[in-house]
C-alpha atoms as a PDB file:
ATOM      1  CA  MET A   1      84.142 -64.698  37.686  1.00  0.00           C
ATOM      2  CA  GLN A   2      81.916 -67.430  36.298  1.00  0.00           C
ATOM      3  CA  SER A   3      78.315 -67.920  37.313  1.00  0.00           C
ATOM      4  CA  ILE A   4      76.102 -70.895  36.587  1.00  0.00           C
ATOM      5  CA  VAL A   5      73.215 -70.915  34.126  1.00  0.00           C
ATOM      6  CA  TYR A   6      70.773 -73.654  35.111  1.00  0.00           C
ATOM      7  CA  VAL A   7      67.586 -75.315  33.931  1.00  0.00           C
ATOM      8  CA  MET A   8      65.295 -76.684  36.633  1.00  0.00           C
ATOM      9  CA  ARG A   9      61.952 -78.362  36.514  1.00  0.00           C
ATOM     10  CA  HIS A  10      59.316 -79.348  39.023  1.00  0.00           C
ATOM     11  CA  ILE A  11      58.804 -83.036  39.631  1.00  0.00           C
ATOM     12  CA  ASP A  12      56.096 -84.959  41.425  1.00  0.00           C
ATOM     13  CA  ILE A  13      58.029 -87.142  43.856  1.00  0.00           C
ATOM     14  CA  GLY A  14      55.100 -89.580  43.843  1.00  0.00           C
ATOM     15  CA  GLY A  15      55.340 -89.914  40.059  1.00  0.00           C
ATOM     16  CA  HIS A  16      51.648 -89.319  39.451  1.00  0.00           C
ATOM     17  CA  ILE A  17      51.681 -86.220  37.234  1.00  0.00           C
ATOM     18  CA  GLU A  18      53.867 -84.764  34.488  1.00  0.00           C
ATOM     19  CA  ILE A  19      54.782 -81.108  35.004  1.00  0.00           C
ATOM     20  CA  PRO A  20      55.804 -79.426  31.716  1.00  0.00           C
ATOM     21  CA  TYR A  21      57.401 -76.262  33.166  1.00  0.00           C
ATOM     22  CA  LYS A  22      61.099 -75.394  33.292  1.00  0.00           C
ATOM     23  CA  LYS A  23      62.991 -72.538  34.980  1.00  0.00           C
ATOM     24  CA  VAL A  24      66.043 -70.911  33.397  1.00  0.00           C
ATOM     25  CA  GLY A  25      68.114 -68.903  35.853  1.00  0.00           C
ATOM     26  CA  ILE A  26      71.591 -68.100  37.098  1.00  0.00           C
ATOM     27  CA  THR A  27      73.366 -68.509  40.396  1.00  0.00           C
ATOM     28  CA  GLY A  28      76.854 -68.058  41.810  1.00  0.00           C
ATOM     29  CA  SER A  29      79.088 -64.964  41.820  1.00  0.00           C
ATOM     30  CA  GLY A  30      77.502 -63.471  44.955  1.00  0.00           C
ATOM     31  CA  ASN A  31      74.178 -65.249  44.534  1.00  0.00           C
ATOM     32  CA  ALA A  32      73.164 -68.526  46.112  1.00  0.00           C
ATOM     33  CA  THR A  33      74.993 -71.701  45.152  1.00  0.00           C
ATOM     34  CA  LEU A  34      73.277 -74.110  42.791  1.00  0.00           C
ATOM     35  CA  ASP A  35      72.507 -76.477  45.687  1.00  0.00           C
ATOM     36  CA  SER A  36      71.079 -73.721  47.881  1.00  0.00           C
ATOM     37  CA  ARG A  37      69.018 -72.361  44.970  1.00  0.00           C
ATOM     38  CA  LEU A  38      67.556 -75.815  44.407  1.00  0.00           C
ATOM     39  CA  GLN A  39      66.692 -75.980  48.117  1.00  0.00           C
ATOM     40  CA  GLN A  40      65.035 -72.540  47.983  1.00  0.00           C
ATOM     41  CA  ILE A  41      62.779 -73.634  45.135  1.00  0.00           C
ATOM     42  CA  SER A  42      61.965 -77.005  46.769  1.00  0.00           C
ATOM     43  CA  ASN A  43      61.688 -75.808  50.371  1.00  0.00           C
ATOM     44  CA  THR A  44      58.106 -76.741  51.178  1.00  0.00           C
ATOM     45  CA  LYS A  45      56.402 -79.810  52.543  1.00  0.00           C
ATOM     46  CA  SER A  46      54.885 -80.468  49.143  1.00  0.00           C
ATOM     47  CA  PRO A  47      55.194 -83.580  46.969  1.00  0.00           C
ATOM     48  CA  ILE A  48      56.265 -81.234  44.158  1.00  0.00           C
ATOM     49  CA  LYS A  49      60.020 -80.563  44.276  1.00  0.00           C
ATOM     50  CA  ALA A  50      62.593 -78.896  42.033  1.00  0.00           C
ATOM     51  CA  GLN A  51      65.185 -80.855  40.097  1.00  0.00           C
ATOM     52  CA  CYS A  52      68.184 -79.398  38.262  1.00  0.00           C
ATOM     53  CA  ILE A  53      68.403 -80.992  34.827  1.00  0.00           C
ATOM     54  CA  ALA A  54      71.275 -78.958  33.358  1.00  0.00           C
ATOM     55  CA  ALA A  55      73.861 -76.426  34.506  1.00  0.00           C
ATOM     56  CA  TRP A  56      76.796 -74.682  32.838  1.00  0.00           C
ATOM     57  CA  ALA A  57      79.514 -72.412  34.250  1.00  0.00           C
ATOM     58  CA  TYR A  58      79.719 -69.345  32.015  1.00  0.00           C
ATOM     59  CA  ASP A  59      81.605 -66.031  32.127  1.00  0.00           C
ATOM     60  CA  ASP A  60      78.630 -64.002  30.858  1.00  0.00           C
ATOM     61  CA  ALA A  61      75.897 -65.994  32.576  1.00  0.00           C
ATOM     62  CA  ARG A  62      73.528 -63.005  32.793  1.00  0.00           C
ATOM     63  CA  GLY A  63      73.839 -62.406  29.041  1.00  0.00           C
ATOM     64  CA  LEU A  64      73.242 -66.076  28.258  1.00  0.00           C
ATOM     65  CA  GLU A  65      70.269 -66.222  30.618  1.00  0.00           C
ATOM     66  CA  ASN A  66      68.759 -63.111  28.994  1.00  0.00           C
ATOM     67  CA  ALA A  67      69.303 -64.553  25.498  1.00  0.00           C
ATOM     68  CA  LEU A  68      67.567 -67.798  26.484  1.00  0.00           C
ATOM     69  CA  HIS A  69      64.667 -65.857  28.004  1.00  0.00           C
ATOM     70  CA  VAL A  70      64.254 -63.863  24.772  1.00  0.00           C
ATOM     71  CA  LEU A  71      64.468 -67.033  22.671  1.00  0.00           C
ATOM     72  CA  MET A  72      61.715 -68.669  24.739  1.00  0.00           C
ATOM     73  CA  GLU A  73      59.539 -65.581  25.266  1.00  0.00           C
ATOM     74  CA  ASP A  74      56.539 -67.141  23.491  1.00  0.00           C
ATOM     75  CA  SER A  75      56.448 -69.974  26.030  1.00  0.00           C
ATOM     76  CA  ARG A  76      56.950 -67.836  29.165  1.00  0.00           C
ATOM     77  CA  VAL A  77      54.416 -68.711  31.861  1.00  0.00           C
ATOM     78  CA  GLU A  78      55.582 -66.669  34.849  1.00  0.00           C
ATOM     79  CA  GLY A  79      58.877 -64.921  35.569  1.00  0.00           C
ATOM     80  CA  GLU A  80      61.677 -67.329  34.641  1.00  0.00           C
ATOM     81  CA  TRP A  81      59.321 -70.298  34.170  1.00  0.00           C
ATOM     82  CA  PHE A  82      58.561 -71.557  30.661  1.00  0.00           C
ATOM     83  CA  LEU A  83      56.176 -74.146  29.233  1.00  0.00           C
ATOM     84  CA  ASP A  84      58.182 -76.974  27.673  1.00  0.00           C
ATOM     85  CA  ALA A  85      55.382 -79.321  26.627  1.00  0.00           C
ATOM     86  CA  GLU A  86      57.631 -81.061  24.076  1.00  0.00           C
ATOM     87  CA  ASP A  87      60.424 -81.520  26.682  1.00  0.00           C
ATOM     88  CA  THR A  88      62.968 -79.979  24.306  1.00  0.00           C
ATOM     89  CA  LEU A  89      64.644 -77.535  26.688  1.00  0.00           C
END
């Protein structure tokens, strides 16, 4: 069964600051849906929310997620969050 590999970022809904961090994760196949995962990450009364910027259905989503994490290891900030100062992810 396919799962979804996604890239999310935080956004300032007021548009006052740029936030250069992105999250690479997976969802589906027994996990939360992409919409519910987005809600989990955004579920506060903060002006900083999560936005999904890319998502792909993939048979080996865990393997792809792990490969992306290894590829970006030098820019890891915390857990599945990575610094993407050049906005290339």
